[in-house]
Amino acid sequence: VTAGGKLLALGRVPQLFQGRGDALDVVLLIDESLSMLRTDPNRLRVQAAKTFVDLAYRSQRIRRIGVVAFNDRARPLIPLTSLARVQDLRDAVEKITNDSQTDMDQALDLARGLLEGSDASAGKAVLLLTDGKDEPGRYENAHLPFADRRWRVFTVGLSARADHEVLSRIAHDTGGNLAESLEGLA
């Protein structure tokens, strides 16, 4: 992720776009907690999510994308949707707001529900974008059912405040990757 030619975050999710096999269903989990006003005042995470949708559209490796926004509650912005409706996906990402605190457990639970509704032949993955850690509570390992099902979770820490220990554990346990912010988005 770059802004004004300056590198803000670095990471890769190559397994989502490369290789053969079944097309993937992917859920984007996008943090919309109040702290994002400070760490991402230019809404770069929204632009990054739109770029992801555009790359997925061109890759032919991803079949459908769902978008979930989360703060202290998770809400679906769009269910798993065919990339033939790329503009609907881009419009859904624009609905990201900023309010309250962060609950990654709820976000992962909602993503799991969306992916469980997907047919068995599709591969499944999640891309989690967050700037913080569970507040006021504590992360309760909502990623473990993903690991059991061999569904990968790719995590992106968008600030120095991000709980890199938890994000790393989520990615490692599920076979995903962690991409870390270089200095936050602000």
Protein backbone atom coordinates (compact mmCIF):
# COMPACT_ATOMS: atom_id res chain seq x y z
CA VAL A 1 0.00 0.00 0.00
CA THR A 2 1.40 3.37 -0.98
CA ALA A 3 0.27 6.98 -0.69
CA GLY A 4 1.95 9.87 -2.43
CA GLY A 5 4.74 7.57 -3.56
CA LYS A 6 5.49 6.62 0.07
CA LEU A 7 5.37 2.93 1.05
CA LEU A 8 2.95 2.49 3.97
CA ALA A 9 2.46 -1.26 4.21
CA LEU A 10 4.12 -4.24 2.65
CA GLY A 11 2.95 -7.81 2.26
CA ARG A 12 1.76 -10.35 -0.20
CA VAL A 13 -1.20 -12.65 -0.60
CA PRO A 14 0.13 -14.55 -3.64
CA GLN A 15 -1.74 -17.76 -2.88
CA LEU A 16 -5.01 -15.95 -3.49
CA PHE A 17 -4.10 -15.01 -7.05
CA GLN A 18 -1.76 -17.74 -8.26
CA GLY A 19 -1.93 -21.41 -9.03
CA ARG A 20 -4.47 -23.75 -10.38
CA GLY A 21 -7.24 -25.54 -8.61
CA ASP A 22 -10.69 -24.61 -7.50
CA ALA A 23 -11.63 -20.97 -7.65
CA LEU A 24 -11.73 -19.30 -4.25
CA ASP A 25 -14.46 -17.61 -2.30
CA VAL A 26 -12.89 -14.80 -0.26
CA VAL A 27 -14.30 -12.65 2.52
CA LEU A 28 -12.72 -9.23 3.10
CA LEU A 29 -12.88 -8.22 6.78
CA ILE A 30 -12.33 -4.47 7.06
CA ASP A 31 -11.88 -2.67 10.38
CA GLU A 32 -14.13 0.35 10.76
CA SER A 33 -13.42 1.11 14.40
CA LEU A 34 -13.12 4.70 15.57
CA SER A 35 -9.32 4.44 15.75
CA MET A 36 -9.25 4.12 11.96
CA LEU A 37 -10.03 7.86 11.78
CA ARG A 38 -6.58 8.45 13.24
CA THR A 39 -4.60 5.65 11.58
CA ASP A 40 -6.28 5.85 8.17
CA PRO A 41 -7.67 9.38 7.71
CA ASN A 42 -7.40 9.06 3.92
CA ARG A 43 -9.33 5.75 3.88
CA LEU A 44 -6.47 3.93 2.19
CA ARG A 45 -7.86 0.60 3.40
CA VAL A 46 -10.92 1.28 1.24
CA GLN A 47 -8.69 1.91 -1.78
CA ALA A 48 -6.67 -1.23 -0.97
CA ALA A 49 -9.87 -3.30 -0.79
CA LYS A 50 -11.04 -1.92 -4.16
CA THR A 51 -7.64 -2.75 -5.64
CA PHE A 52 -7.99 -6.28 -4.28
CA VAL A 53 -11.40 -6.57 -5.97
CA ASP A 54 -9.95 -5.32 -9.27
CA LEU A 55 -7.02 -7.77 -9.08
CA ALA A 56 -9.39 -10.60 -8.24
CA TYR A 57 -11.53 -9.70 -11.24
CA ARG A 58 -8.50 -10.03 -13.52
CA SER A 59 -6.99 -13.13 -11.88
CA GLN A 60 -9.74 -15.68 -12.61
CA ARG A 61 -8.56 -17.41 -9.44
CA ILE A 62 -11.17 -15.86 -7.17
CA ARG A 63 -14.79 -16.76 -7.82
CA ARG A 64 -16.69 -14.63 -5.33
CA ILE A 65 -15.97 -11.99 -2.71
CA GLY A 66 -17.94 -11.01 0.36
CA VAL A 67 -17.26 -7.87 2.40
CA VAL A 68 -17.70 -7.57 6.16
CA ALA A 69 -17.11 -4.35 8.11
CA PHE A 70 -16.40 -4.63 11.80
CA ASN A 71 -15.92 -2.59 14.92
CA ASP A 72 -17.49 -3.83 18.18
CA ARG A 73 -19.95 -5.65 15.96
CA ALA A 74 -19.64 -7.18 12.51
CA ARG A 75 -21.96 -6.37 9.63
CA PRO A 76 -22.05 -7.76 6.13
CA LEU A 77 -21.73 -5.08 3.47
CA ILE A 78 -22.28 -7.57 0.66
CA PRO A 79 -22.60 -11.38 0.74
CA LEU A 80 -20.40 -13.61 -1.39
CA THR A 81 -20.85 -12.00 -4.79
CA SER A 82 -19.68 -12.96 -8.26
CA LEU A 83 -16.90 -10.87 -9.72
CA ALA A 84 -19.20 -10.26 -12.66
CA ARG A 85 -20.69 -7.67 -10.25
CA VAL A 86 -17.37 -5.92 -9.62
CA GLN A 87 -18.98 -2.47 -9.29
CA ASP A 88 -21.37 -3.76 -6.59
CA LEU A 89 -18.34 -5.03 -4.67
CA ARG A 90 -16.52 -1.71 -5.05
CA ASP A 91 -19.66 0.16 -3.92
CA ALA A 92 -19.96 -2.08 -0.85
CA VAL A 93 -16.41 -1.25 0.22
CA GLU A 94 -17.30 2.46 0.06
CA LYS A 95 -19.81 1.91 2.89
CA ILE A 96 -17.00 1.61 5.44
CA THR A 97 -17.55 4.04 8.34
CA ASN A 98 -15.77 4.66 11.64
CA ASP A 99 -17.34 3.97 15.01
CA SER A 100 -16.76 2.19 18.32
CA GLN A 101 -14.06 -0.34 19.19
CA THR A 102 -12.65 -3.55 17.67
CA ASP A 103 -13.93 -7.14 17.88
CA MET A 104 -12.09 -9.49 15.51
CA ASP A 105 -13.89 -12.55 16.95
CA GLN A 106 -17.27 -11.30 15.71
CA ALA A 107 -15.79 -10.44 12.33
CA LEU A 108 -14.26 -13.90 11.90
CA ASP A 109 -17.48 -15.57 13.10
CA LEU A 110 -19.50 -13.70 10.48
CA ALA A 111 -16.93 -14.53 7.78
CA ARG A 112 -17.10 -18.20 8.75
CA GLY A 113 -20.89 -18.10 8.38
CA LEU A 114 -20.60 -16.59 4.91
CA LEU A 115 -18.04 -19.18 3.83
CA GLU A 116 -20.00 -22.10 5.28
CA GLY A 117 -22.81 -21.13 2.91
CA SER A 118 -20.44 -21.55 -0.02
CA ASP A 119 -20.49 -24.80 -1.98
CA ALA A 120 -17.95 -27.45 -1.02
CA SER A 121 -15.98 -27.34 -4.28
CA ALA A 122 -14.76 -23.79 -3.72
CA GLY A 123 -11.59 -23.02 -1.83
CA LYS A 124 -12.14 -20.50 0.95
CA ALA A 125 -10.03 -17.69 2.41
CA VAL A 126 -10.28 -14.48 4.43
CA LEU A 127 -8.35 -11.22 4.17
CA LEU A 128 -8.42 -9.35 7.53
CA LEU A 129 -7.45 -5.64 7.62
CA THR A 130 -7.17 -4.02 11.07
CA ASP A 131 -5.27 -1.27 12.86
CA GLY A 132 -5.68 -2.42 16.43
CA LYS A 133 -6.50 -5.17 18.83
CA ASP A 134 -9.66 -6.43 20.48
CA GLU A 135 -10.89 -3.70 22.80
CA PRO A 136 -12.26 -3.66 25.38
CA GLY A 137 -12.12 -7.45 25.42
CA ARG A 138 -9.62 -10.09 24.52
CA TYR A 139 -9.29 -12.09 21.30
CA GLU A 140 -10.96 -15.51 21.78
CA ASN A 141 -9.41 -17.55 18.93
CA ALA A 142 -12.24 -17.31 16.42
CA HIS A 143 -9.74 -18.37 13.75
CA LEU A 144 -9.46 -21.96 15.01
CA PRO A 145 -12.49 -23.23 13.01
CA PHE A 146 -10.76 -21.83 9.90
CA ALA A 147 -7.63 -23.82 10.71
CA ASP A 148 -9.75 -26.96 11.24
CA ARG A 149 -11.34 -26.50 7.80
CA ARG A 150 -8.04 -25.54 6.14
CA TRP A 151 -9.40 -22.12 5.20
CA ARG A 152 -6.58 -19.59 5.12
CA VAL A 153 -6.74 -16.23 6.84
CA PHE A 154 -4.40 -13.52 5.55
CA THR A 155 -3.91 -10.66 8.01
CA VAL A 156 -2.80 -7.08 7.49
CA GLY A 157 -1.79 -4.94 10.48
CA LEU A 158 -2.45 -1.34 9.53
CA SER A 159 -0.65 0.41 12.40
CA ALA A 160 2.02 0.00 15.04
CA ARG A 161 -0.88 -0.48 17.51
CA ALA A 162 -2.13 -3.57 15.67
CA ASP A 163 -1.91 -6.73 17.75
CA HIS A 164 0.83 -8.26 15.61
CA GLU A 165 1.12 -11.27 17.94
CA VAL A 166 -2.54 -12.19 17.41
CA LEU A 167 -2.49 -11.36 13.68
CA SER A 168 0.62 -13.50 13.23
CA ARG A 169 -0.96 -16.40 15.15
CA ILE A 170 -4.15 -16.20 13.08
CA ALA A 171 -2.19 -16.23 9.82
CA HIS A 172 0.23 -18.96 10.93
CA ASP A 173 -2.44 -21.28 12.35
CA THR A 174 -4.55 -21.08 9.19
CA GLY A 175 -1.77 -21.21 6.59
CA GLY A 176 -2.12 -17.55 5.62
CA ASN A 177 0.38 -14.69 5.75
CA LEU A 178 0.80 -11.56 7.87
CA ALA A 179 1.51 -8.27 6.12
CA GLU A 180 2.64 -5.56 8.48
CA SER A 181 2.35 -1.81 8.22
CA LEU A 182 5.62 0.03 8.08
CA GLU A 183 4.45 2.99 10.15
CA GLY A 184 0.68 3.05 10.17
CA LEU A 185 -1.46 4.82 7.64
CA ALA A 186 -1.43 8.26 9.25
